[in-house]
């Protein structure tokens, strides 16, 4: 199975970073193909607006997401989509 992990945390040695690495190790050891997209390492602006999507330099870049069998996210709690404060 192909697994795509989106990691979004500014601190590489955070708990989220450790979870991402542990997931990669465990899934790879189980024979899965694992791809990690580290948004902070890529310089991706996590406060999304039109600047993130003005052009597509590589048409295959976004195609990768449609080829994965599973999408996992690793992000800090403060970015909860529920809108609730911790």
C-alpha atoms as a PDB file:
ATOM      1  CA  UNK A   1       0.000   0.000   0.000  1.00  0.00           C
ATOM      2  CA  UNK A   2       1.207   3.527  -0.731  1.00  0.00           C
ATOM      3  CA  UNK A   3       0.956   5.836   2.275  1.00  0.00           C
ATOM      4  CA  UNK A   4       1.229   9.626   1.988  1.00  0.00           C
ATOM      5  CA  UNK A   5       1.944  11.429   5.277  1.00  0.00           C
ATOM      6  CA  UNK A   6       1.535  15.197   5.429  1.00  0.00           C
ATOM      7  CA  UNK A   7       3.669  16.497   8.294  1.00  0.00           C
ATOM      8  CA  UNK A   8       3.121  20.098   9.420  1.00  0.00           C
ATOM      9  CA  UNK A   9       5.028  21.155  12.524  1.00  0.00           C
ATOM     10  CA  UNK A  10       7.690  23.851  12.835  1.00  0.00           C
ATOM     11  CA  UNK A  11       9.900  21.846  15.246  1.00  0.00           C
ATOM     12  CA  UNK A  12      11.544  18.737  13.777  1.00  0.00           C
ATOM     13  CA  UNK A  13      12.170  17.205  17.220  1.00  0.00           C
ATOM     14  CA  UNK A  14       8.598  17.729  18.443  1.00  0.00           C
ATOM     15  CA  UNK A  15       6.253  14.956  19.537  1.00  0.00           C
ATOM     16  CA  UNK A  16       4.543  15.260  16.143  1.00  0.00           C
ATOM     17  CA  UNK A  17       7.912  14.804  14.454  1.00  0.00           C
ATOM     18  CA  UNK A  18       8.547  11.684  16.529  1.00  0.00           C
ATOM     19  CA  UNK A  19       5.106  10.323  15.598  1.00  0.00           C
ATOM     20  CA  UNK A  20       5.770  10.935  11.911  1.00  0.00           C
ATOM     21  CA  UNK A  21       9.142   9.159  12.068  1.00  0.00           C
ATOM     22  CA  UNK A  22       7.657   6.252  14.058  1.00  0.00           C
ATOM     23  CA  UNK A  23       4.828   5.897  11.539  1.00  0.00           C
ATOM     24  CA  UNK A  24       7.303   5.948   8.651  1.00  0.00           C
ATOM     25  CA  UNK A  25       9.493   3.297  10.301  1.00  0.00           C
ATOM     26  CA  UNK A  26       6.576   1.015  11.237  1.00  0.00           C
ATOM     27  CA  UNK A  27       4.817   1.307   7.892  1.00  0.00           C
ATOM     28  CA  UNK A  28       8.033   0.794   5.916  1.00  0.00           C
ATOM     29  CA  UNK A  29       8.915  -2.247   8.040  1.00  0.00           C
ATOM     30  CA  UNK A  30       5.462  -3.655   7.235  1.00  0.00           C
ATOM     31  CA  UNK A  31       6.266  -3.381   3.523  1.00  0.00           C
ATOM     32  CA  UNK A  32       4.347  -0.212   2.667  1.00  0.00           C
ATOM     33  CA  UNK A  33       5.682   2.525   0.414  1.00  0.00           C
ATOM     34  CA  UNK A  34       5.752   5.717   2.513  1.00  0.00           C
ATOM     35  CA  UNK A  35       6.051   9.274   1.183  1.00  0.00           C
ATOM     36  CA  UNK A  36       6.312  12.176   3.627  1.00  0.00           C
ATOM     37  CA  UNK A  37       5.509  15.752   2.705  1.00  0.00           C
ATOM     38  CA  UNK A  38       6.994  18.060   5.362  1.00  0.00           C
ATOM     39  CA  UNK A  39       5.230  21.372   4.804  1.00  0.00           C
ATOM     40  CA  UNK A  40       7.542  23.455   6.996  1.00  0.00           C
ATOM     41  CA  UNK A  41      10.675  21.994   5.377  1.00  0.00           C
ATOM     42  CA  UNK A  42       9.161  22.909   1.995  1.00  0.00           C
ATOM     43  CA  UNK A  43       8.568  26.490   3.136  1.00  0.00           C
ATOM     44  CA  UNK A  44       4.830  26.061   2.584  1.00  0.00           C
ATOM     45  CA  UNK A  45       2.822  28.927   4.053  1.00  0.00           C
ATOM     46  CA  UNK A  46       0.493  27.126   6.460  1.00  0.00           C
ATOM     47  CA  UNK A  47      -1.823  30.119   6.534  1.00  0.00           C
ATOM     48  CA  UNK A  48      -3.278  29.273   3.175  1.00  0.00           C
ATOM     49  CA  UNK A  49      -4.443  31.842   0.696  1.00  0.00           C
ATOM     50  CA  UNK A  50      -4.232  32.400  -3.053  1.00  0.00           C
ATOM     51  CA  UNK A  51      -0.433  32.862  -2.867  1.00  0.00           C
ATOM     52  CA  UNK A  52      -0.049  29.105  -2.301  1.00  0.00           C
ATOM     53  CA  UNK A  53      -1.863  28.247  -5.521  1.00  0.00           C
ATOM     54  CA  UNK A  54      -1.011  30.916  -8.113  1.00  0.00           C
ATOM     55  CA  UNK A  55       0.850  28.601 -10.485  1.00  0.00           C
ATOM     56  CA  UNK A  56       1.635  24.945 -10.922  1.00  0.00           C
ATOM     57  CA  UNK A  57       5.300  24.589 -11.819  1.00  0.00           C
ATOM     58  CA  UNK A  58       5.109  20.809 -12.031  1.00  0.00           C
ATOM     59  CA  UNK A  59       1.753  19.427 -13.182  1.00  0.00           C
ATOM     60  CA  UNK A  60       2.619  16.029 -11.637  1.00  0.00           C
ATOM     61  CA  UNK A  61       3.192  17.537  -8.178  1.00  0.00           C
ATOM     62  CA  UNK A  62      -0.481  17.495  -7.202  1.00  0.00           C
ATOM     63  CA  UNK A  63      -1.086  14.269  -9.113  1.00  0.00           C
ATOM     64  CA  UNK A  64       0.871  12.368  -6.449  1.00  0.00           C
ATOM     65  CA  UNK A  65      -1.907  12.830  -3.916  1.00  0.00           C
ATOM     66  CA  UNK A  66      -4.427  11.047  -6.128  1.00  0.00           C
ATOM     67  CA  UNK A  67      -2.140   8.021  -6.466  1.00  0.00           C
ATOM     68  CA  UNK A  68      -1.828   7.262  -2.764  1.00  0.00           C
ATOM     69  CA  UNK A  69      -3.914   4.570  -1.092  1.00  0.00           C
ATOM     70  CA  UNK A  70      -3.908   6.309   2.280  1.00  0.00           C
ATOM     71  CA  UNK A  71      -3.424   9.897   3.439  1.00  0.00           C
ATOM     72  CA  UNK A  72      -2.236  10.545   7.005  1.00  0.00           C
ATOM     73  CA  UNK A  73      -1.674  13.925   8.629  1.00  0.00           C
ATOM     74  CA  UNK A  74       0.653  14.847  11.459  1.00  0.00           C
ATOM     75  CA  UNK A  75       0.071  18.329  12.853  1.00  0.00           C
ATOM     76  CA  UNK A  76       0.068  20.109  16.194  1.00  0.00           C
ATOM     77  CA  UNK A  77      -3.136  20.221  18.225  1.00  0.00           C
ATOM     78  CA  UNK A  78      -3.437  23.987  17.892  1.00  0.00           C
ATOM     79  CA  UNK A  79      -4.368  23.587  14.225  1.00  0.00           C
ATOM     80  CA  UNK A  80      -7.502  21.606  15.021  1.00  0.00           C
ATOM     81  CA  UNK A  81     -10.083  21.843  12.270  1.00  0.00           C
ATOM     82  CA  UNK A  82     -12.942  21.821  14.772  1.00  0.00           C
ATOM     83  CA  UNK A  83     -12.396  25.448  15.701  1.00  0.00           C
ATOM     84  CA  UNK A  84     -12.500  24.547  19.385  1.00  0.00           C
ATOM     85  CA  UNK A  85      -9.757  25.918  21.599  1.00  0.00           C
ATOM     86  CA  UNK A  86      -7.778  23.420  23.712  1.00  0.00           C
END
